[in-house]
């Protein structure tokens, strides 16, 4: 009886230890999931109905939301949480997928707008240089500098900042949108070619359409 009793106790203690170890593992996983969900909950709170309805007017907020989504993904990965489908993460990813084509089309519209403004700048510079001597300054460099300054202010306000924001939002799918992102990131160089050549703007517009 005494031997049986101690054997029973040993089995019971071993069983308790195994259960305790399993419980600790489960608790760690639950704590890791809760921690990873925090940035996703922040993202959901920021994704208001107004932003859902007018995403292109709220690119700055979308960047913050997207950063929270990436932080949540990273937290799951760092904690080695596999085979777990987080509802908030899935819903956020679905939202960004749903506006992806809108972001691409808006970026193309902005690129075309910048190209058109650059063509206009080129014409204005040419006109300033070809004015009769009596109708212009002896030095046209001041006029060219003025036109360039106005142009830079205008394209930054209308387009460049927004293109930079779209670049950040599409960066997670760089392979898919490689040509478009290359155009956005090399825009200064491309616009320089538009200034130098009277025909290059047509070629550049086609690149934008095809991207």
Protein backbone atom coordinates (compact mmCIF):
# COMPACT_ATOMS: atom_id res chain seq x y z
CA UNK A 1 0.00 0.00 0.00
CA UNK A 2 2.77 2.41 0.89
CA UNK A 3 4.59 1.70 -2.41
CA UNK A 4 1.40 2.17 -4.39
CA UNK A 5 0.70 5.41 -2.54
CA UNK A 6 4.13 6.89 -3.37
CA UNK A 7 3.84 5.70 -6.96
CA UNK A 8 0.48 7.45 -7.22
CA UNK A 9 1.99 10.63 -5.75
CA UNK A 10 4.91 10.55 -8.19
CA UNK A 11 2.59 10.16 -11.16
CA UNK A 12 0.37 12.98 -9.88
CA UNK A 13 3.31 15.37 -9.37
CA UNK A 14 4.73 14.57 -12.81
CA UNK A 15 1.33 15.15 -14.37
CA UNK A 16 0.98 18.49 -12.61
CA UNK A 17 4.40 19.60 -13.81
CA UNK A 18 3.56 18.69 -17.41
CA UNK A 19 0.27 20.58 -17.22
CA UNK A 20 1.97 23.56 -15.62
CA UNK A 21 4.62 23.59 -18.37
CA UNK A 22 1.95 23.44 -21.06
CA UNK A 23 -0.02 26.19 -19.38
CA UNK A 24 3.06 28.43 -19.23
CA UNK A 25 3.58 27.95 -22.95
CA UNK A 26 -0.02 28.81 -23.65
CA UNK A 27 0.16 31.87 -21.41
CA UNK A 28 3.28 33.07 -23.20
CA UNK A 29 1.56 32.68 -26.56
CA UNK A 30 -1.51 34.55 -25.38
CA UNK A 31 0.60 37.38 -23.97
CA UNK A 32 2.56 37.62 -27.23
CA UNK A 33 -0.67 37.73 -29.26
CA UNK A 34 -2.08 40.46 -27.01
CA UNK A 35 1.10 42.49 -27.38
CA UNK A 36 1.16 42.09 -31.15
CA UNK A 37 -2.47 43.15 -31.39
CA UNK A 38 -1.85 46.57 -29.81
CA UNK A 39 -0.60 48.34 -32.97
CA UNK A 40 -3.38 46.64 -34.96
CA UNK A 41 -5.99 48.00 -32.55
CA UNK A 42 -4.44 51.48 -32.91
CA UNK A 43 -4.64 51.14 -36.67
CA UNK A 44 -8.30 50.13 -36.53
CA UNK A 45 -9.12 53.10 -34.29
CA UNK A 46 -7.44 55.47 -36.75
CA UNK A 47 -9.24 54.00 -39.75
CA UNK A 48 -12.38 56.08 -39.30
CA UNK A 49 -15.38 56.02 -41.67
CA UNK A 50 -14.25 59.36 -43.15
CA UNK A 51 -10.82 57.95 -44.02
CA UNK A 52 -12.39 54.82 -45.49
CA UNK A 53 -14.60 56.96 -47.72
CA UNK A 54 -11.90 59.44 -48.75
CA UNK A 55 -8.57 57.60 -48.58
CA UNK A 56 -6.83 59.79 -51.18
CA UNK A 57 -7.53 62.87 -49.07
CA UNK A 58 -5.96 61.28 -45.99
CA UNK A 59 -2.67 59.84 -47.23
CA UNK A 60 -0.74 61.05 -44.18
CA UNK A 61 -3.07 59.14 -41.84
CA UNK A 62 -2.98 56.07 -44.08
CA UNK A 63 0.82 56.02 -43.71
CA UNK A 64 0.46 55.95 -39.90
CA UNK A 65 -2.15 53.18 -40.14
CA UNK A 66 0.06 51.20 -42.52
CA UNK A 67 3.03 51.60 -40.17
CA UNK A 68 0.91 50.21 -37.31
CA UNK A 69 -0.11 47.27 -39.50
CA UNK A 70 3.53 46.53 -40.33
CA UNK A 71 4.44 46.75 -36.63
CA UNK A 72 1.73 44.21 -35.81
CA UNK A 73 2.97 41.83 -38.51
CA UNK A 74 6.53 42.20 -37.26
CA UNK A 75 5.48 41.51 -33.65
CA UNK A 76 3.76 38.25 -34.63
CA UNK A 77 6.83 37.18 -36.58
CA UNK A 78 9.29 38.06 -33.82
CA UNK A 79 7.25 36.06 -31.30
CA UNK A 80 7.16 33.06 -33.68
CA UNK A 81 3.36 33.05 -33.63
CA UNK A 82 2.38 30.77 -36.49
CA UNK A 83 -1.01 29.54 -37.72
CA UNK A 84 -2.83 32.46 -36.10
CA UNK A 85 -5.27 34.56 -38.12
CA UNK A 86 -5.80 37.94 -36.49
CA UNK A 87 -9.13 39.46 -37.52
CA UNK A 88 -7.89 43.06 -37.26
CA UNK A 89 -4.80 42.34 -39.33
CA UNK A 90 -6.83 40.59 -42.00
CA UNK A 91 -9.38 43.42 -42.17
CA UNK A 92 -6.65 46.08 -42.45
CA UNK A 93 -4.86 44.17 -45.19
CA UNK A 94 -8.15 43.81 -47.08
CA UNK A 95 -8.71 47.56 -46.82
CA UNK A 96 -5.27 48.42 -48.22
CA UNK A 97 -5.77 45.91 -51.03
CA UNK A 98 -9.10 47.55 -51.86
CA UNK A 99 -7.52 51.00 -52.34
CA UNK A 100 -4.36 49.81 -54.11
CA UNK A 101 -5.64 50.55 -57.63
CA UNK A 102 -6.85 54.00 -56.51
CA UNK A 103 -3.37 54.80 -55.19
CA UNK A 104 -1.76 53.67 -58.46
CA UNK A 105 -4.16 55.66 -60.63
CA UNK A 106 -3.79 58.76 -58.45
CA UNK A 107 0.00 58.52 -58.66
CA UNK A 108 -0.22 58.34 -62.46
CA UNK A 109 -2.52 61.37 -62.57
CA UNK A 110 -0.08 63.32 -60.41
CA UNK A 111 2.88 62.31 -62.59
CA UNK A 112 1.06 63.46 -65.73
CA UNK A 113 0.22 66.75 -64.00
CA UNK A 114 3.86 67.33 -63.09
CA UNK A 115 4.96 66.53 -66.65
CA UNK A 116 2.44 69.03 -68.06
CA UNK A 117 3.61 71.72 -65.67
CA UNK A 118 7.21 71.01 -66.68
CA UNK A 119 6.32 71.33 -70.37
CA UNK A 120 4.72 74.69 -69.57
CA UNK A 121 7.84 75.78 -67.69
CA UNK A 122 9.99 74.84 -70.67
CA UNK A 123 7.79 76.96 -72.96
CA UNK A 124 7.89 79.93 -70.56
CA UNK A 125 11.69 79.74 -70.40
CA UNK A 126 11.93 79.58 -74.20
CA UNK A 127 9.53 82.51 -74.53
CA UNK A 128 11.57 84.56 -72.06
CA UNK A 129 14.75 83.86 -73.99
CA UNK A 130 13.23 84.77 -77.35
CA UNK A 131 11.64 88.09 -76.34
CA UNK A 132 12.90 91.05 -78.36
CA UNK A 133 15.86 92.71 -76.71
CA UNK A 134 13.87 95.90 -76.07
CA UNK A 135 11.08 93.98 -74.28
CA UNK A 136 13.21 92.16 -71.75
CA UNK A 137 16.02 92.53 -69.28
CA UNK A 138 19.53 92.43 -70.65
CA UNK A 139 19.90 89.27 -68.53
CA UNK A 140 17.11 86.65 -68.75
CA UNK A 141 18.62 84.60 -65.93
CA UNK A 142 16.56 86.47 -63.34
CA UNK A 143 13.34 85.65 -65.18
CA UNK A 144 14.36 81.99 -65.56
CA UNK A 145 15.21 81.81 -61.86
CA UNK A 146 11.83 83.34 -60.96
CA UNK A 147 9.95 80.90 -63.19
CA UNK A 148 11.89 77.97 -61.74
CA UNK A 149 11.13 79.04 -58.17
CA UNK A 150 7.41 79.36 -58.89
CA UNK A 151 7.41 75.99 -60.64
CA UNK A 152 9.13 74.23 -57.72
CA UNK A 153 6.64 75.67 -55.22
CA UNK A 154 3.69 74.69 -57.41
CA UNK A 155 4.65 71.09 -58.13
CA UNK A 156 5.59 70.47 -54.50
CA UNK A 157 2.19 71.73 -53.36
CA UNK A 158 0.16 69.82 -55.94
CA UNK A 159 2.06 66.64 -56.48
CA UNK A 160 5.49 65.83 -55.05
CA UNK A 161 4.46 65.41 -51.42
CA UNK A 162 1.51 63.22 -52.40
CA UNK A 163 3.68 61.11 -54.71
CA UNK A 164 6.11 60.57 -51.84
CA UNK A 165 3.23 59.43 -49.60
CA UNK A 166 1.93 57.02 -52.24
CA UNK A 167 5.46 55.68 -52.69
CA UNK A 168 5.53 54.77 -48.99
CA UNK A 169 2.11 53.11 -49.14
CA UNK A 170 3.00 51.00 -52.19
CA UNK A 171 6.52 50.13 -51.00
CA UNK A 172 5.24 46.90 -49.42
CA UNK A 173 4.41 45.68 -52.93
CA UNK A 174 7.52 46.99 -54.64
CA UNK A 175 7.78 44.06 -57.06
CA UNK A 176 4.25 44.50 -58.31
CA UNK A 177 4.60 48.27 -58.77
CA UNK A 178 8.28 48.41 -59.61
CA UNK A 179 7.99 50.56 -62.76
CA UNK A 180 5.73 53.11 -61.11
CA UNK A 181 7.94 53.39 -58.03
CA UNK A 182 11.05 53.78 -60.21
CA UNK A 183 9.37 56.67 -62.03
CA UNK A 184 8.40 58.37 -58.77
CA UNK A 185 11.89 57.98 -57.31
CA UNK A 186 13.67 59.15 -60.46
CA UNK A 187 11.26 61.99 -61.19
CA UNK A 188 13.81 64.81 -60.83
CA UNK A 189 16.03 63.21 -63.44
CA UNK A 190 13.11 62.53 -65.78
CA UNK A 191 11.82 66.10 -65.53
CA UNK A 192 15.29 67.38 -66.29
CA UNK A 193 15.09 65.52 -69.60
CA UNK A 194 11.71 67.15 -70.29
CA UNK A 195 13.33 70.59 -69.84
CA UNK A 196 16.21 69.66 -72.15
CA UNK A 197 14.18 68.01 -74.94
CA UNK A 198 11.06 69.29 -76.69
CA UNK A 199 9.77 65.75 -77.36
CA UNK A 200 10.72 63.72 -74.29
CA UNK A 201 7.50 64.56 -72.40
CA UNK A 202 5.49 62.31 -74.75
CA UNK A 203 7.81 59.39 -74.11
CA UNK A 204 7.68 59.98 -70.37
CA UNK A 205 3.88 60.12 -70.37
CA UNK A 206 3.78 56.76 -72.11
CA UNK A 207 6.08 55.32 -69.43
CA UNK A 208 3.61 56.55 -66.81
CA UNK A 209 0.64 55.02 -68.63
CA UNK A 210 2.44 51.69 -69.01
CA UNK A 211 3.72 51.56 -65.41
